[in-house]
Protein backbone atom coordinates (compact mmCIF):
# COMPACT_ATOMS: atom_id res chain seq x y z
CA UNK A 1 191.41 115.28 34.85
CA UNK A 2 193.63 112.55 33.35
CA UNK A 3 195.27 115.26 31.22
CA UNK A 4 196.02 117.32 34.33
CA UNK A 5 197.54 114.27 36.02
CA UNK A 6 199.63 113.54 32.95
CA UNK A 7 200.94 117.11 32.82
CA UNK A 8 201.75 116.99 36.56
CA UNK A 9 203.64 113.71 36.13
CA UNK A 10 205.56 115.18 33.20
CA UNK A 11 206.59 118.23 35.27
CA UNK A 12 207.67 116.07 38.19
CA UNK A 13 209.61 113.76 35.91
CA UNK A 14 211.48 116.72 34.50
CA UNK A 15 212.33 118.28 37.86
CA UNK A 16 213.07 115.28 40.10
CA UNK A 17 216.19 113.25 39.14
CA UNK A 18 215.81 109.51 38.65
CA UNK A 19 217.51 107.25 41.19
CA UNK A 20 220.57 106.86 39.00
CA UNK A 21 220.89 110.64 38.70
CA UNK A 22 220.66 111.04 42.46
CA UNK A 23 223.48 108.57 42.93
CA UNK A 24 225.59 110.44 40.38
CA UNK A 25 224.94 113.80 42.03
CA UNK A 26 225.70 112.45 45.49
CA UNK A 27 228.84 110.82 44.22
CA UNK A 28 229.95 114.11 42.63
CA UNK A 29 229.19 116.00 45.84
CA UNK A 30 231.17 113.46 47.87
CA UNK A 31 234.05 113.75 45.42
CA UNK A 32 234.00 117.54 45.73
CA UNK A 33 233.84 117.33 49.53
CA UNK A 34 236.76 114.91 49.59
CA UNK A 35 238.70 117.22 47.27
CA UNK A 36 238.07 120.20 49.56
CA UNK A 37 239.19 118.24 52.63
CA UNK A 38 242.24 116.95 50.78
CA UNK A 39 243.17 120.49 49.68
CA UNK A 40 242.81 121.74 53.26
CA UNK A 41 244.79 118.82 54.71
CA UNK A 42 247.57 119.46 52.20
CA UNK A 43 247.97 123.05 53.35
CA UNK A 44 250.82 123.86 55.76
CA UNK A 45 250.15 122.56 59.26
CA UNK A 46 251.58 125.73 60.81
CA UNK A 47 250.14 129.17 60.03
CA UNK A 48 248.33 132.32 61.12
CA UNK A 49 245.32 131.84 63.42
CA UNK A 50 243.75 135.20 64.26
CA UNK A 51 244.71 138.47 62.61
CA UNK A 52 248.25 139.61 63.38
CA UNK A 53 248.66 143.37 63.64
CA UNK A 54 250.85 146.19 64.95
CA UNK A 55 249.03 149.49 65.54
CA UNK A 56 249.53 152.84 67.24
CA UNK A 57 246.85 155.29 68.34
CA UNK A 58 245.12 157.29 71.02
CA UNK A 59 241.85 157.87 72.87
CA UNK A 60 238.87 159.40 71.06
CA UNK A 61 236.84 160.35 74.14
CA UNK A 62 239.66 162.27 75.84
CA UNK A 63 242.36 164.75 74.99
CA UNK A 64 245.30 162.69 73.66
CA UNK A 65 248.17 162.38 76.11
CA UNK A 66 251.12 160.07 76.56
CA UNK A 67 249.05 158.16 79.13
CA UNK A 68 246.10 157.32 76.85
CA UNK A 69 248.11 156.82 73.65
CA UNK A 70 249.88 153.54 73.01
CA UNK A 71 250.88 150.71 70.71
CA UNK A 72 248.66 147.64 70.52
CA UNK A 73 249.77 144.50 68.75
CA UNK A 74 248.62 140.92 68.43
CA UNK A 75 250.56 137.79 67.48
CA UNK A 76 248.56 134.65 66.72
CA UNK A 77 249.39 131.29 65.13
CA UNK A 78 248.08 127.74 65.04
CA UNK A 79 249.40 124.26 64.37
CA UNK A 80 247.21 121.40 63.15
CA UNK A 81 248.04 118.22 65.02
CA UNK A 82 246.07 115.96 62.67
CA UNK A 83 244.47 115.94 59.27
CA UNK A 84 240.67 115.68 58.96
CA UNK A 85 240.72 112.04 60.04
CA UNK A 86 238.98 112.27 63.41
CA UNK A 87 235.23 111.49 63.81
CA UNK A 88 232.99 113.66 61.60
CA UNK A 89 236.08 114.71 59.59
CA UNK A 90 237.33 116.96 62.37
CA UNK A 91 240.94 117.86 63.02
CA UNK A 92 242.80 118.68 66.22
CA UNK A 93 244.84 121.86 66.55
CA UNK A 94 246.86 123.97 68.99
CA UNK A 95 246.82 127.76 68.92
CA UNK A 96 248.60 130.58 70.69
CA UNK A 97 247.74 134.28 70.69
CA UNK A 98 249.44 137.10 72.54
CA UNK A 99 248.11 140.64 72.79
CA UNK A 100 250.22 143.54 74.08
CA UNK A 101 249.42 147.07 75.25
CA UNK A 102 252.67 149.02 75.04
CA UNK A 103 253.02 152.53 76.49
CA UNK A 104 255.67 153.72 74.04
CA UNK A 105 255.05 157.41 74.76
CA UNK A 106 255.92 157.12 78.46
CA UNK A 107 259.41 157.22 79.89
CA UNK A 108 261.25 153.88 79.60
CA UNK A 109 258.54 152.58 77.18
CA UNK A 110 256.88 150.14 79.63
CA UNK A 111 254.49 147.39 78.61
CA UNK A 112 251.15 148.09 80.27
CA UNK A 113 249.76 144.56 79.89
CA UNK A 114 250.52 141.31 78.10
CA UNK A 115 247.72 138.77 77.55
CA UNK A 116 248.59 135.13 76.84
CA UNK A 117 245.99 132.92 75.19
CA UNK A 118 246.95 129.26 74.50
CA UNK A 119 244.24 126.87 73.31
CA UNK A 120 243.53 123.38 72.03
CA UNK A 121 240.53 122.57 69.89
CA UNK A 122 238.65 120.48 67.36
CA UNK A 123 237.58 122.07 64.11
CA UNK A 124 235.42 120.92 61.20
CA UNK A 125 234.95 122.36 57.74
CA UNK A 126 231.29 122.73 56.75
CA UNK A 127 230.78 121.52 53.19
CA UNK A 128 227.38 121.62 51.50
CA UNK A 129 226.57 120.55 47.94
CA UNK A 130 230.24 120.24 47.15
CA UNK A 131 231.09 123.75 48.35
CA UNK A 132 232.95 125.00 51.39
CA UNK A 133 230.51 127.23 53.28
CA UNK A 134 231.98 127.53 56.75
CA UNK A 135 233.74 126.11 59.76
CA UNK A 136 232.78 125.09 63.31
CA UNK A 137 235.08 124.65 66.31
CA UNK A 138 235.08 123.43 69.90
CA UNK A 139 237.99 124.96 71.84
CA UNK A 140 239.41 124.89 75.35
CA UNK A 141 241.11 128.25 76.03
CA UNK A 142 243.15 129.77 78.81
CA UNK A 143 243.80 133.50 79.05
CA UNK A 144 245.93 135.31 81.62
CA UNK A 145 248.33 138.22 81.94
CA UNK A 146 251.06 136.29 83.74
CA UNK A 147 251.18 138.63 86.72
CA UNK A 148 250.71 138.03 90.42
CA UNK A 149 249.08 139.82 93.34
CA UNK A 150 246.54 142.58 92.69
CA UNK A 151 247.50 142.78 89.00
CA UNK A 152 246.83 139.09 88.29
CA UNK A 153 244.03 138.31 85.81
CA UNK A 154 243.05 134.89 84.41
CA UNK A 155 240.15 132.79 83.23
CA UNK A 156 239.40 129.68 81.16
CA UNK A 157 236.71 129.05 78.56
CA UNK A 158 235.11 126.16 76.72
CA UNK A 159 234.33 127.90 73.45
CA UNK A 160 231.90 127.05 70.65
CA UNK A 161 232.41 129.01 67.44
CA UNK A 162 231.15 128.95 63.87
CA UNK A 163 231.69 130.97 60.71
CA UNK A 164 229.79 130.81 57.42
CA UNK A 165 229.95 132.47 54.03
CA UNK A 166 226.53 133.86 53.10
CA UNK A 167 228.00 135.41 49.94
CA UNK A 168 231.42 134.97 48.32
CA UNK A 169 232.42 138.35 49.78
CA UNK A 170 230.56 138.16 53.11
CA UNK A 171 231.28 135.94 56.10
CA UNK A 172 229.34 135.95 59.39
CA UNK A 173 230.62 134.45 62.61
CA UNK A 174 229.43 133.74 66.15
CA UNK A 175 231.06 132.51 69.33
CA UNK A 176 229.89 131.66 72.83
CA UNK A 177 231.64 130.19 75.83
CA UNK A 178 231.26 128.40 79.13
CA UNK A 179 233.51 130.33 81.55
CA UNK A 180 235.69 128.77 84.24
CA UNK A 181 236.88 131.77 86.23
CA UNK A 182 239.91 131.01 88.40
CA UNK A 183 241.35 134.51 88.78
CA UNK A 184 240.77 135.95 92.26
CA UNK A 185 241.01 139.54 90.99
CA UNK A 186 238.52 139.22 88.12
CA UNK A 187 235.52 137.32 89.47
CA UNK A 188 233.16 139.76 87.71
CA UNK A 189 234.90 139.48 84.31
CA UNK A 190 231.73 138.33 82.49
CA UNK A 191 230.11 141.66 83.28
CA UNK A 192 232.77 143.33 81.12
CA UNK A 193 234.25 140.70 78.79
CA UNK A 194 230.92 139.23 77.82
CA UNK A 195 229.21 135.91 77.30
CA UNK A 196 229.06 135.66 73.50
CA UNK A 197 229.99 137.54 70.35
CA UNK A 198 228.74 137.98 66.80
CA UNK A 199 230.23 139.68 63.79
CA UNK A 200 230.77 139.82 60.07
CA UNK A 201 233.48 140.35 57.50
CA UNK A 202 233.40 141.80 53.99
CA UNK A 203 236.14 141.33 51.40
CA UNK A 204 235.89 143.31 48.17
CA UNK A 205 235.74 141.38 44.91
CA UNK A 206 239.20 142.57 43.90
CA UNK A 207 240.51 141.37 47.33
CA UNK A 208 242.03 144.79 48.09
CA UNK A 209 239.68 145.85 50.91
CA UNK A 210 238.62 143.98 54.02
CA UNK A 211 236.19 145.25 56.67
CA UNK A 212 235.20 143.32 59.77
CA UNK A 213 233.18 144.14 62.87
CA UNK A 214 232.85 142.11 66.08
CA UNK A 215 230.34 142.79 68.86
CA UNK A 216 230.84 141.15 72.27
CA UNK A 217 227.69 141.13 74.42
CA UNK A 218 228.46 142.05 78.01
CA UNK A 219 226.57 140.25 80.77
CA UNK A 220 223.12 141.69 81.44
CA UNK A 221 219.82 142.31 79.69
CA UNK A 222 220.74 145.75 78.35
CA UNK A 223 222.14 146.34 74.86
CA UNK A 224 225.75 146.73 75.98
CA UNK A 225 228.49 145.59 73.59
CA UNK A 226 232.25 145.82 73.24
CA UNK A 227 232.80 146.82 69.62
CA UNK A 228 235.80 146.20 67.40
CA UNK A 229 235.93 147.46 63.80
CA UNK A 230 238.86 146.92 61.43
CA UNK A 231 239.34 148.34 57.95
CA UNK A 232 242.24 147.05 55.89
CA UNK A 233 243.68 147.92 52.45
CA UNK A 234 245.94 145.32 50.83
CA UNK A 235 249.35 146.80 50.14
CA UNK A 236 250.16 144.40 47.31
CA UNK A 237 247.82 142.10 45.38
CA UNK A 238 250.16 139.15 45.92
CA UNK A 239 250.60 139.60 49.68
CA UNK A 240 248.39 139.27 52.75
CA UNK A 241 249.65 142.52 54.29
CA UNK A 242 247.22 145.41 54.79
CA UNK A 243 247.29 148.99 56.00
CA UNK A 244 244.91 148.88 58.95
CA UNK A 245 242.50 151.19 60.77
CA UNK A 246 241.57 149.67 64.14
CA UNK A 247 238.72 150.97 66.35
CA UNK A 248 237.80 149.70 69.82
CA UNK A 249 234.93 150.88 72.01
CA UNK A 250 233.98 149.23 75.31
CA UNK A 251 235.49 147.27 78.17
CA UNK A 252 237.84 144.29 78.24
CA UNK A 253 240.37 145.51 75.68
CA UNK A 254 243.04 143.94 77.87
CA UNK A 255 242.88 141.82 81.01
CA UNK A 256 244.50 144.28 83.43
CA UNK A 257 241.93 146.96 82.55
CA UNK A 258 239.04 144.57 81.90
CA UNK A 259 236.65 146.77 83.94
CA UNK A 260 237.79 150.11 82.47
CA UNK A 261 236.17 151.79 79.47
CA UNK A 262 238.32 152.46 76.39
CA UNK A 263 237.46 154.23 73.15
CA UNK A 264 240.52 154.27 70.92
CA UNK A 265 241.46 154.56 67.26
CA UNK A 266 244.72 153.15 65.93
CA UNK A 267 246.46 152.69 62.59
CA UNK A 268 249.07 150.17 61.59
CA UNK A 269 249.95 146.99 59.71
CA UNK A 270 247.69 143.93 59.46
CA UNK A 271 248.67 140.40 58.38
CA UNK A 272 245.67 138.12 57.78
CA UNK A 273 245.22 134.37 57.33
CA UNK A 274 244.75 133.43 53.68
CA UNK A 275 242.07 130.81 54.44
CA UNK A 276 239.78 131.63 57.41
CA UNK A 277 239.99 134.47 59.91
CA UNK A 278 239.26 133.50 63.50
CA UNK A 279 237.82 135.94 66.03
């Protein structure tokens, strides 16, 4: 029995660091965490927020016509207002996204709908064991189409989002929101635009391919989702520009038609953030 105890103590001694080692490891981890935060804080304050893209396509569930074929593009950027100096090493930022549905195949090329999405938020990098593993954010968002009367659509959200790398090539993300619906013409928007979303992103090891999928759960107990799938191929190894295949299936693709079903496939150009994609 004493021999067994001695062997057990020897194993424990070899696997559990002494107090001095623990201090050294923690100090190294803190140094790495500080280095990551410093690297992030030294990045440009102004940059891309969500994916920016310009695509053209048509309906998959109907015969293509000039009325169900269009251009869809998204412009999105953010500006950090502070470095990671706020409580819990958070930083404050402003963002602005604008999505457009453009009927370029109709006479006079009218814009069908424009959606404006300004926001202000707090964001925190998640660092574990000296490695950057994800990001969490608390955001106050407004979204509207800037129109009046029967065509007016608007709502506000307090959003909680998180993203994490489970592998160097794979990131998963989730987002939920507390809605504040002020639009008189879209009181039932949660039924179509959802209450939370989940998704994932894969980037090939050579950084040439990116695939992401986002599923927005519509309100209700049934398995009803709005689905977005993007496939991108990097045009040049030194750029962040991709040839893009964009698929959308569900409701809420734009605010004006939030309660109308769309199933469309588009192709175009994608410009991605070099650090984190937001969804």
